[in-house]
Amino acid sequence: MPLYDFHCTHCAAEFELLMRHDDTPVCPQCGSSALNRMVSRVSPPGKSKAIIAAGRERARREGHLSNF
């Protein structure tokens, strides 16, 4: 299920929802369905491999074998 960013036109709240394609989104603050879908921010490429490698190195130092 994709994660979408929304802006409520009634209360000006900005939030993100995890939803199916056929779901009707509603504002969690005021309950309105008058929402604008916004462009979501994406994570920069290339960061996840470094994070995984650092986690595995830390686990190796601590003697944990669960991350290998």
PDB file of N, CA and C in Angstrom:
ATOM      1  N   MET A   1       0.844  -1.177   0.000  1.00  0.00           N
ATOM      2  CA  MET A   1       0.000   0.000   0.000  1.00  0.00           C
ATOM      3  C   MET A   1       0.888   1.238   0.000  1.00  0.00           C
ATOM      4  N   PRO A   2       0.601   2.177  -0.875  1.00  0.00           N
ATOM      5  CA  PRO A   2       1.427   3.384  -0.956  1.00  0.00           C
ATOM      6  C   PRO A   2       1.108   4.384   0.153  1.00  0.00           C
ATOM      7  N   LEU A   3       2.067   5.237   0.407  1.00  0.00           N
ATOM      8  CA  LEU A   3       1.950   6.299   1.403  1.00  0.00           C
ATOM      9  C   LEU A   3       1.740   7.608   0.661  1.00  0.00           C
ATOM     10  N   TYR A   4       0.656   8.315   0.983  1.00  0.00           N
ATOM     11  CA  TYR A   4       0.314   9.562   0.301  1.00  0.00           C
ATOM     12  C   TYR A   4       0.331  10.726   1.299  1.00  0.00           C
ATOM     13  N   ASP A   5       0.718  11.915   0.826  1.00  0.00           N
ATOM     14  CA  ASP A   5       0.656  13.151   1.599  1.00  0.00           C
ATOM     15  C   ASP A   5      -0.586  13.916   1.165  1.00  0.00           C
ATOM     16  N   PHE A   6      -1.284  14.503   2.152  1.00  0.00           N
ATOM     17  CA  PHE A   6      -2.503  15.251   1.867  1.00  0.00           C
ATOM     18  C   PHE A   6      -2.485  16.588   2.580  1.00  0.00           C
ATOM     19  N   HIS A   7      -3.254  17.526   2.023  1.00  0.00           N
ATOM     20  CA  HIS A   7      -3.491  18.837   2.634  1.00  0.00           C
ATOM     21  C   HIS A   7      -5.000  19.029   2.711  1.00  0.00           C
ATOM     22  N   CYS A   8      -5.520  19.282   3.915  1.00  0.00           N
ATOM     23  CA  CYS A   8      -6.954  19.489   4.112  1.00  0.00           C
ATOM     24  C   CYS A   8      -7.301  20.940   3.788  1.00  0.00           C
ATOM     25  N   THR A   9      -8.319  21.131   2.949  1.00  0.00           N
ATOM     26  CA  THR A   9      -8.711  22.488   2.577  1.00  0.00           C
ATOM     27  C   THR A   9      -9.562  23.159   3.649  1.00  0.00           C
ATOM     28  N   HIS A  10     -10.108  22.393   4.580  1.00  0.00           N
ATOM     29  CA  HIS A  10     -10.940  22.976   5.637  1.00  0.00           C
ATOM     30  C   HIS A  10     -10.126  23.466   6.829  1.00  0.00           C
ATOM     31  N   CYS A  11      -9.216  22.624   7.336  1.00  0.00           N
ATOM     32  CA  CYS A  11      -8.481  23.010   8.546  1.00  0.00           C
ATOM     33  C   CYS A  11      -6.992  23.247   8.296  1.00  0.00           C
ATOM     34  N   ALA A  12      -6.537  23.130   7.044  1.00  0.00           N
ATOM     35  CA  ALA A  12      -5.150  23.373   6.639  1.00  0.00           C
ATOM     36  C   ALA A  12      -4.159  22.401   7.266  1.00  0.00           C
ATOM     37  N   ALA A  13      -4.621  21.230   7.683  1.00  0.00           N
ATOM     38  CA  ALA A  13      -3.724  20.212   8.233  1.00  0.00           C
ATOM     39  C   ALA A  13      -2.989  19.509   7.102  1.00  0.00           C
ATOM     40  N   GLU A  14      -1.731  19.147   7.348  1.00  0.00           N
ATOM     41  CA  GLU A  14      -0.960  18.348   6.407  1.00  0.00           C
ATOM     42  C   GLU A  14      -0.596  17.049   7.091  1.00  0.00           C
ATOM     43  N   PHE A  15      -0.846  15.939   6.410  1.00  0.00           N
ATOM     44  CA  PHE A  15      -0.633  14.620   7.007  1.00  0.00           C
ATOM     45  C   PHE A  15      -0.388  13.614   5.908  1.00  0.00           C
ATOM     46  N   GLU A  16       0.058  12.402   6.307  1.00  0.00           N
ATOM     47  CA  GLU A  16       0.260  11.337   5.345  1.00  0.00           C
ATOM     48  C   GLU A  16      -0.549  10.122   5.763  1.00  0.00           C
ATOM     49  N   LEU A  17      -1.027   9.396   4.764  1.00  0.00           N
ATOM     50  CA  LEU A  17      -1.860   8.227   5.007  1.00  0.00           C
ATOM     51  C   LEU A  17      -1.348   7.045   4.202  1.00  0.00           C
ATOM     52  N   LEU A  18      -1.388   5.881   4.799  1.00  0.00           N
ATOM     53  CA  LEU A  18      -1.110   4.633   4.121  1.00  0.00           C
ATOM     54  C   LEU A  18      -2.447   4.075   3.692  1.00  0.00           C
ATOM     55  N   MET A  19      -2.686   3.999   2.389  1.00  0.00           N
ATOM     56  CA  MET A  19      -4.021   3.648   1.937  1.00  0.00           C
ATOM     57  C   MET A  19      -4.003   2.889   0.619  1.00  0.00           C
ATOM     58  N   ARG A  20      -5.081   2.144   0.404  1.00  0.00           N
ATOM     59  CA  ARG A  20      -5.269   1.444  -0.865  1.00  0.00           C
ATOM     60  C   ARG A  20      -5.763   2.421  -1.922  1.00  0.00           C
ATOM     61  N   HIS A  21      -5.729   1.984  -3.167  1.00  0.00           N
ATOM     62  CA  HIS A  21      -6.123   2.848  -4.274  1.00  0.00           C
ATOM     63  C   HIS A  21      -7.604   3.221  -4.216  1.00  0.00           C
ATOM     64  N   ASP A  22      -8.455   2.312  -3.760  1.00  0.00           N
ATOM     65  CA  ASP A  22      -9.895   2.565  -3.761  1.00  0.00           C
ATOM     66  C   ASP A  22     -10.416   3.151  -2.451  1.00  0.00           C
ATOM     67  N   ASP A  23      -9.548   3.427  -1.471  1.00  0.00           N
ATOM     68  CA  ASP A  23      -9.965   4.049  -0.213  1.00  0.00           C
ATOM     69  C   ASP A  23     -10.255   5.534  -0.417  1.00  0.00           C
ATOM     70  N   THR A  24     -11.191   6.058   0.362  1.00  0.00           N
ATOM     71  CA  THR A  24     -11.482   7.491   0.353  1.00  0.00           C
ATOM     72  C   THR A  24     -10.826   8.118   1.576  1.00  0.00           C
ATOM     73  N   PRO A  25      -9.857   8.997   1.389  1.00  0.00           N
ATOM     74  CA  PRO A  25      -9.161   9.574   2.535  1.00  0.00           C
ATOM     75  C   PRO A  25     -10.007  10.625   3.242  1.00  0.00           C
ATOM     76  N   VAL A  26      -9.835  10.705   4.560  1.00  0.00           N
ATOM     77  CA  VAL A  26     -10.477  11.745   5.367  1.00  0.00           C
ATOM     78  C   VAL A  26      -9.423  12.358   6.279  1.00  0.00           C
ATOM     79  N   CYS A  27      -9.619  13.608   6.622  1.00  0.00           N
ATOM     80  CA  CYS A  27      -8.698  14.325   7.494  1.00  0.00           C
ATOM     81  C   CYS A  27      -8.796  13.767   8.911  1.00  0.00           C
ATOM     82  N   PRO A  28      -7.672  13.434   9.536  1.00  0.00           N
ATOM     83  CA  PRO A  28      -7.721  12.915  10.900  1.00  0.00           C
ATOM     84  C   PRO A  28      -8.080  13.977  11.948  1.00  0.00           C
ATOM     85  N   GLN A  29      -7.966  15.267  11.603  1.00  0.00           N
ATOM     86  CA  GLN A  29      -8.282  16.326  12.567  1.00  0.00           C
ATOM     87  C   GLN A  29      -9.737  16.757  12.512  1.00  0.00           C
ATOM     88  N   CYS A  30     -10.260  16.988  11.294  1.00  0.00           N
ATOM     89  CA  CYS A  30     -11.624  17.510  11.210  1.00  0.00           C
ATOM     90  C   CYS A  30     -12.602  16.544  10.548  1.00  0.00           C
ATOM     91  N   GLY A  31     -12.106  15.452   9.938  1.00  0.00           N
ATOM     92  CA  GLY A  31     -12.984  14.477   9.315  1.00  0.00           C
ATOM     93  C   GLY A  31     -13.458  14.841   7.920  1.00  0.00           C
ATOM     94  N   SER A  32     -12.935  15.896   7.346  1.00  0.00           N
ATOM     95  CA  SER A  32     -13.345  16.342   6.015  1.00  0.00           C
ATOM     96  C   SER A  32     -12.744  15.440   4.943  1.00  0.00           C
ATOM     97  N   SER A  33     -13.453  15.295   3.838  1.00  0.00           N
ATOM     98  CA  SER A  33     -12.912  14.537   2.713  1.00  0.00           C
ATOM     99  C   SER A  33     -12.474  15.464   1.578  1.00  0.00           C
ATOM    100  N   ALA A  34     -12.482  16.775   1.813  1.00  0.00           N
ATOM    101  CA  ALA A  34     -12.017  17.755   0.824  1.00  0.00           C
ATOM    102  C   ALA A  34     -10.505  17.916   0.986  1.00  0.00           C
ATOM    103  N   LEU A  35      -9.751  17.026   0.334  1.00  0.00           N
ATOM    104  CA  LEU A  35      -8.305  16.985   0.490  1.00  0.00           C
ATOM    105  C   LEU A  35      -7.611  17.150  -0.847  1.00  0.00           C
ATOM    106  N   ASN A  36      -6.427  17.723  -0.804  1.00  0.00           N
ATOM    107  CA  ASN A  36      -5.558  17.815  -1.975  1.00  0.00           C
ATOM    108  C   ASN A  36      -4.377  16.883  -1.761  1.00  0.00           C
ATOM    109  N   ARG A  37      -4.121  16.018  -2.744  1.00  0.00           N
ATOM    110  CA  ARG A  37      -2.962  15.136  -2.645  1.00  0.00           C
ATOM    111  C   ARG A  37      -1.725  15.930  -3.037  1.00  0.00           C
ATOM    112  N   MET A  38      -0.689  15.861  -2.218  1.00  0.00           N
ATOM    113  CA  MET A  38       0.536  16.610  -2.447  1.00  0.00           C
ATOM    114  C   MET A  38       1.620  15.679  -2.979  1.00  0.00           C
ATOM    115  N   VAL A  39       2.660  16.257  -3.520  1.00  0.00           N
ATOM    116  CA  VAL A  39       3.808  15.484  -3.970  1.00  0.00           C
ATOM    117  C   VAL A  39       4.591  15.051  -2.738  1.00  0.00           C
ATOM    118  N   SER A  40       4.829  13.759  -2.613  1.00  0.00           N
ATOM    119  CA  SER A  40       5.542  13.228  -1.451  1.00  0.00           C
ATOM    120  C   SER A  40       7.042  13.421  -1.609  1.00  0.00           C
ATOM    121  N   ARG A  41       7.701  13.600  -0.477  1.00  0.00           N
ATOM    122  CA  ARG A  41       9.155  13.674  -0.481  1.00  0.00           C
ATOM    123  C   ARG A  41       9.711  12.258  -0.547  1.00  0.00           C
ATOM    124  N   VAL A  42      10.762  12.078  -1.283  1.00  0.00           N
ATOM    125  CA  VAL A  42      11.387  10.766  -1.395  1.00  0.00           C
ATOM    126  C   VAL A  42      12.746  10.793  -0.719  1.00  0.00           C
ATOM    127  N   SER A  43      13.201   9.626  -0.297  1.00  0.00           N
ATOM    128  CA  SER A  43      14.513   9.566   0.330  1.00  0.00           C
ATOM    129  C   SER A  43      15.595   9.589  -0.742  1.00  0.00           C
ATOM    130  N   PRO A  44      16.721  10.190  -0.458  1.00  0.00           N
ATOM    131  CA  PRO A  44      17.788  10.244  -1.463  1.00  0.00           C
ATOM    132  C   PRO A  44      18.340   8.848  -1.729  1.00  0.00           C
ATOM    133  N   PRO A  45      18.726   8.568  -2.959  1.00  0.00           N
ATOM    134  CA  PRO A  45      19.239   7.236  -3.275  1.00  0.00           C
ATOM    135  C   PRO A  45      20.629   7.010  -2.685  1.00  0.00           C
ATOM    136  N   GLY A  46      20.947   5.760  -2.425  1.00  0.00           N
ATOM    137  CA  GLY A  46      22.286   5.403  -1.982  1.00  0.00           C
ATOM    138  C   GLY A  46      22.499   5.429  -0.489  1.00  0.00           C
ATOM    139  N   LYS A  47      21.540   5.841   0.281  1.00  0.00           N
ATOM    140  CA  LYS A  47      21.728   5.930   1.717  1.00  0.00           C
ATOM    141  C   LYS A  47      21.464   4.599   2.420  1.00  0.00           C
ATOM    142  N   SER A  48      20.569   3.794   1.913  1.00  0.00           N
ATOM    143  CA  SER A  48      20.158   2.599   2.626  1.00  0.00           C
ATOM    144  C   SER A  48      21.268   1.555   2.707  1.00  0.00           C
ATOM    145  N   LYS A  49      22.107   1.418   1.670  1.00  0.00           N
ATOM    146  CA  LYS A  49      23.191   0.434   1.722  1.00  0.00           C
ATOM    147  C   LYS A  49      24.201   0.781   2.808  1.00  0.00           C
ATOM    148  N   ALA A  50      24.479   2.058   2.979  1.00  0.00           N
ATOM    149  CA  ALA A  50      25.419   2.484   4.019  1.00  0.00           C
ATOM    150  C   ALA A  50      24.839   2.247   5.408  1.00  0.00           C
ATOM    151  N   ILE A  51      23.554   2.464   5.571  1.00  0.00           N
ATOM    152  CA  ILE A  51      22.915   2.233   6.865  1.00  0.00           C
ATOM    153  C   ILE A  51      22.920   0.749   7.205  1.00  0.00           C
ATOM    154  N   ILE A  52      22.611  -0.093   6.223  1.00  0.00           N
ATOM    155  CA  ILE A  52      22.617  -1.540   6.445  1.00  0.00           C
ATOM    156  C   ILE A  52      24.024  -2.022   6.783  1.00  0.00           C
ATOM    157  N   ALA A  53      25.022  -1.530   6.059  1.00  0.00           N
ATOM    158  CA  ALA A  53      26.403  -1.932   6.321  1.00  0.00           C
ATOM    159  C   ALA A  53      26.849  -1.509   7.722  1.00  0.00           C
ATOM    160  N   ALA A  54      26.458  -0.322   8.139  1.00  0.00           N
ATOM    161  CA  ALA A  54      26.827   0.146   9.478  1.00  0.00           C
ATOM    162  C   ALA A  54      26.144  -0.699  10.552  1.00  0.00           C
ATOM    163  N   GLY A  55      24.891  -1.072  10.338  1.00  0.00           N
ATOM    164  CA  GLY A  55      24.192  -1.929  11.289  1.00  0.00           C
ATOM    165  C   GLY A  55      24.810  -3.301  11.394  1.00  0.00           C
ATOM    166  N   ARG A  56      25.220  -3.851  10.256  1.00  0.00           N
ATOM    167  CA  ARG A  56      25.881  -5.168  10.281  1.00  0.00           C
ATOM    168  C   ARG A  56      27.242  -5.103  10.967  1.00  0.00           C
ATOM    169  N   GLU A  57      27.970  -4.037  10.736  1.00  0.00           N
ATOM    170  CA  GLU A  57      29.274  -3.880  11.393  1.00  0.00           C
ATOM    171  C   GLU A  57      29.106  -3.748  12.909  1.00  0.00           C
ATOM    172  N   ARG A  58      28.133  -2.972  13.333  1.00  0.00           N
ATOM    173  CA  ARG A  58      27.880  -2.835  14.770  1.00  0.00           C
ATOM    174  C   ARG A  58      27.467  -4.173  15.380  1.00  0.00           C
ATOM    175  N   ALA A  59      26.625  -4.942  14.676  1.00  0.00           N
ATOM    176  CA  ALA A  59      26.209  -6.254  15.170  1.00  0.00           C
ATOM    177  C   ALA A  59      27.397  -7.206  15.242  1.00  0.00           C
ATOM    178  N   ARG A  60      28.307  -7.128  14.260  1.00  0.00           N
ATOM    179  CA  ARG A  60      29.479  -7.986  14.281  1.00  0.00           C
ATOM    180  C   ARG A  60      30.377  -7.667  15.470  1.00  0.00           C
ATOM    181  N   ARG A  61      30.558  -6.367  15.748  1.00  0.00           N
ATOM    182  CA  ARG A  61      31.365  -5.961  16.892  1.00  0.00           C
ATOM    183  C   ARG A  61      30.758  -6.426  18.210  1.00  0.00           C
ATOM    184  N   GLU A  62      29.434  -6.376  18.302  1.00  0.00           N
ATOM    185  CA  GLU A  62      28.758  -6.767  19.537  1.00  0.00           C
ATOM    186  C   GLU A  62      28.539  -8.264  19.659  1.00  0.00           C
ATOM    187  N   GLY A  63      28.820  -8.997  18.580  1.00  0.00           N
ATOM    188  CA  GLY A  63      28.706 -10.455  18.630  1.00  0.00           C
ATOM    189  C   GLY A  63      27.328 -10.987  18.276  1.00  0.00           C
ATOM    190  N   HIS A  64      26.460 -10.159  17.750  1.00  0.00           N
ATOM    191  CA  HIS A  64      25.131 -10.615  17.354  1.00  0.00           C
ATOM    192  C   HIS A  64      25.199 -11.195  15.948  1.00  0.00           C
ATOM    193  N   LEU A  65      24.595 -12.342  15.752  1.00  0.00           N
ATOM    194  CA  LEU A  65      24.599 -12.960  14.439  1.00  0.00           C
ATOM    195  C   LEU A  65      23.260 -12.782  13.729  1.00  0.00           C
ATOM    196  N   SER A  66      22.293 -12.105  14.355  1.00  0.00           N
ATOM    197  CA  SER A  66      20.961 -11.971  13.789  1.00  0.00           C
ATOM    198  C   SER A  66      20.921 -11.048  12.576  1.00  0.00           C
ATOM    199  N   ASN A  67      21.877 -10.147  12.417  1.00  0.00           N
ATOM    200  CA  ASN A  67      21.857  -9.197  11.301  1.00  0.00           C
ATOM    201  C   ASN A  67      22.655  -9.680  10.097  1.00  0.00           C
ATOM    202  N   PHE A  68      23.176 -10.901  10.133  1.00  0.00           N
ATOM    203  CA  PHE A  68      23.970 -11.401   9.000  1.00  0.00           C
ATOM    204  C   PHE A  68      23.124 -12.220   8.078  1.00  0.00           C
TER     205      PHE A  68
END
